[in-house]
Each structure stands twice: as structure tokens, then as C-alpha cells.
């Protein structure tokens, strides 16, 4: 029996419902399996229950549990510390070490830039020029 290859899963953590839908649609169109949640607590629960995604798109300003806290929690555990994280935020990022993240994108972003960042952090040749 032949099995279809498993799609690469990207976890989108964004509290703005319109942006969350835009990121989900854009990444799905680019061939990724996408799980989208609205806050950091739901992100950690998803990872604990459903498994480790290939990459995380993470907003910093989130309700209940902020993006910085999500990052610290993921970085603290060997099983999740190597997940590429793409920060997409309108918040100040001057306190972040760029070496800790695959990419930091400032809102507003173009979806092409988001797809490019995901492809780069997953080590894929980008189809975007």
C-alpha cells in the first residue's frame, strides 16, 4: 500500500482572527498543513497533545500567555528547543536576540515574505523570487 507523504506542519499562533485566517490560507496554498491557534496557552496545549510542528509562526502580543513566554517554554525543553520560530509582530523586538529565531518579521507583512521565511527556516529552496 502506498502512503501519501506527510505534509510539513506549521503552527500559527496569532490572536487577530483576520491575520490568523490569512496566514492559514496562504501557508495551506503553499502546501503546508497548518494548525492555527489564538494564544500561547493553546499553542503549548496543541504541541503537548498533537505533536511537535515543523515550524511555528509566533506573534509576541498574545492573550493569556504571550509569545515571549511561549518561546521560553519551548526553548527550555530538548524536544521542542530546535523548532524554527518565525516571529511576526508589531511589538518592539529590540530586546530579542535574533540568533534565537529563524526570522523576525514586522507587521504589516506580505504573505510572500511569510512563506519565504518558513521555507528558509525549513531549509527548503524558496519558490518565491
Protein backbone atom coordinates (compact mmCIF):
# COMPACT_ATOMS: atom_id res chain seq x y z
CA UNK A 1 0.00 0.00 0.00
CA UNK A 2 1.31 3.43 -0.88
CA UNK A 3 1.14 6.23 1.63
CA UNK A 4 0.94 9.90 0.77
CA UNK A 5 3.87 11.87 2.14
CA UNK A 6 3.06 13.65 5.38
CA UNK A 7 2.74 17.38 4.94
CA UNK A 8 5.03 19.68 6.85
CA UNK A 9 3.03 21.17 9.73
CA UNK A 10 3.25 24.84 10.64
CA UNK A 11 1.69 26.08 13.87
CA UNK A 12 0.37 29.64 13.57
CA UNK A 13 -0.06 31.47 16.89
CA UNK A 14 -1.88 34.75 16.19
CA UNK A 15 -4.67 36.41 18.18
CA UNK A 16 -6.01 38.55 15.33
CA UNK A 17 -8.62 36.35 13.60
CA UNK A 18 -8.18 38.02 10.20
CA UNK A 19 -4.39 37.62 10.22
CA UNK A 20 -4.70 34.08 11.53
CA UNK A 21 -7.00 33.19 8.63
CA UNK A 22 -4.73 34.96 6.12
CA UNK A 23 -1.63 33.10 7.35
CA UNK A 24 -3.52 29.79 7.39
CA UNK A 25 -4.84 30.24 3.85
CA UNK A 26 -1.50 31.42 2.46
CA UNK A 27 0.53 28.63 4.04
CA UNK A 28 -2.03 25.99 3.08
CA UNK A 29 -1.90 27.23 -0.52
CA UNK A 30 1.89 26.88 -0.36
CA UNK A 31 1.47 23.19 0.53
CA UNK A 32 1.79 23.20 4.31
CA UNK A 33 -0.51 21.58 6.84
CA UNK A 34 -1.49 24.43 9.14
CA UNK A 35 -2.80 24.47 12.67
CA UNK A 36 -3.83 27.93 13.84
CA UNK A 37 -4.48 28.94 17.45
CA UNK A 38 -5.22 32.29 19.04
CA UNK A 39 -2.94 32.37 22.07
CA UNK A 40 0.18 30.96 23.65
CA UNK A 41 -1.60 28.65 26.04
CA UNK A 42 -3.46 26.96 23.17
CA UNK A 43 -0.15 26.68 21.28
CA UNK A 44 1.54 24.80 24.13
CA UNK A 45 -1.51 22.60 24.62
CA UNK A 46 -1.54 21.74 20.93
CA UNK A 47 2.14 20.82 20.91
CA UNK A 48 1.71 18.70 24.03
CA UNK A 49 -1.34 16.89 22.67
CA UNK A 50 -0.87 16.69 18.91
CA UNK A 51 2.87 16.69 18.46
CA UNK A 52 5.73 18.93 17.52
CA UNK A 53 5.23 21.10 14.43
CA UNK A 54 7.94 21.61 11.84
CA UNK A 55 7.85 25.39 12.41
CA UNK A 56 5.99 27.97 14.49
CA UNK A 57 4.72 31.37 13.37
CA UNK A 58 4.52 33.32 16.63
CA UNK A 59 3.06 36.70 17.47
CA UNK A 60 4.56 38.25 20.60
CA UNK A 61 1.49 40.13 21.89
CA UNK A 62 -0.94 37.34 22.75
CA UNK A 63 -3.69 36.96 25.35
CA UNK A 64 -3.35 34.54 28.30
CA UNK A 65 0.26 33.57 27.55
CA UNK A 66 2.46 35.88 25.48
CA UNK A 67 4.81 34.94 22.68
CA UNK A 68 7.94 35.54 24.73
CA UNK A 69 6.66 33.08 27.34
CA UNK A 70 5.83 30.53 24.65
CA UNK A 71 9.35 30.87 23.27
CA UNK A 72 10.91 30.42 26.73
CA UNK A 73 8.80 27.32 27.36
CA UNK A 74 9.72 25.76 24.00
CA UNK A 75 13.40 26.63 24.41
CA UNK A 76 13.51 25.02 27.87
CA UNK A 77 12.71 21.51 26.63
CA UNK A 78 15.02 19.42 24.43
CA UNK A 79 12.12 18.02 22.39
CA UNK A 80 10.94 21.49 21.34
CA UNK A 81 14.06 23.66 21.60
CA UNK A 82 15.02 23.19 17.94
CA UNK A 83 11.66 24.13 16.40
CA UNK A 84 12.27 27.01 13.98
CA UNK A 85 10.30 30.03 15.19
CA UNK A 86 9.30 32.89 12.91
CA UNK A 87 8.27 35.94 14.91
CA UNK A 88 5.60 38.05 13.21
CA UNK A 89 4.80 41.05 15.38
CA UNK A 90 4.00 44.69 15.63
CA UNK A 91 5.62 44.76 19.10
CA UNK A 92 9.05 46.08 19.91
CA UNK A 93 11.71 43.44 19.27
CA UNK A 94 14.79 45.34 20.41
CA UNK A 95 15.14 43.04 23.42
CA UNK A 96 15.18 39.86 21.30
CA UNK A 97 18.33 38.05 20.25
CA UNK A 98 17.97 37.44 16.52
CA UNK A 99 20.01 34.25 16.87
CA UNK A 100 17.16 32.68 18.87
CA UNK A 101 14.68 32.89 16.00
CA UNK A 102 14.60 31.72 12.40
CA UNK A 103 13.31 35.13 11.38
CA UNK A 104 11.67 38.23 12.80
CA UNK A 105 9.08 39.89 10.57
CA UNK A 106 7.50 43.23 11.42
CA UNK A 107 3.78 43.75 10.83
CA UNK A 108 2.35 44.55 8.42
CA UNK A 109 3.88 41.79 6.32
CA UNK A 110 3.30 40.44 2.85
CA UNK A 111 2.29 36.79 2.81
CA UNK A 112 5.06 36.12 0.31
CA UNK A 113 7.55 37.19 2.98
CA UNK A 114 5.94 34.83 5.48
CA UNK A 115 6.10 31.89 3.08
CA UNK A 116 9.69 32.74 2.19
CA UNK A 117 10.66 32.86 5.88
CA UNK A 118 9.04 29.47 6.55
CA UNK A 119 10.75 27.90 3.54
CA UNK A 120 14.11 29.31 4.59
CA UNK A 121 13.81 28.14 8.20
CA UNK A 122 12.88 24.66 6.99
CA UNK A 123 15.90 24.59 4.70
CA UNK A 124 13.87 24.49 1.52
CA UNK A 125 14.62 26.29 -1.66
CA UNK A 126 12.11 29.08 -1.90
CA UNK A 127 9.75 29.11 -4.86
CA UNK A 128 9.34 32.84 -4.42
CA UNK A 129 11.53 35.39 -6.12
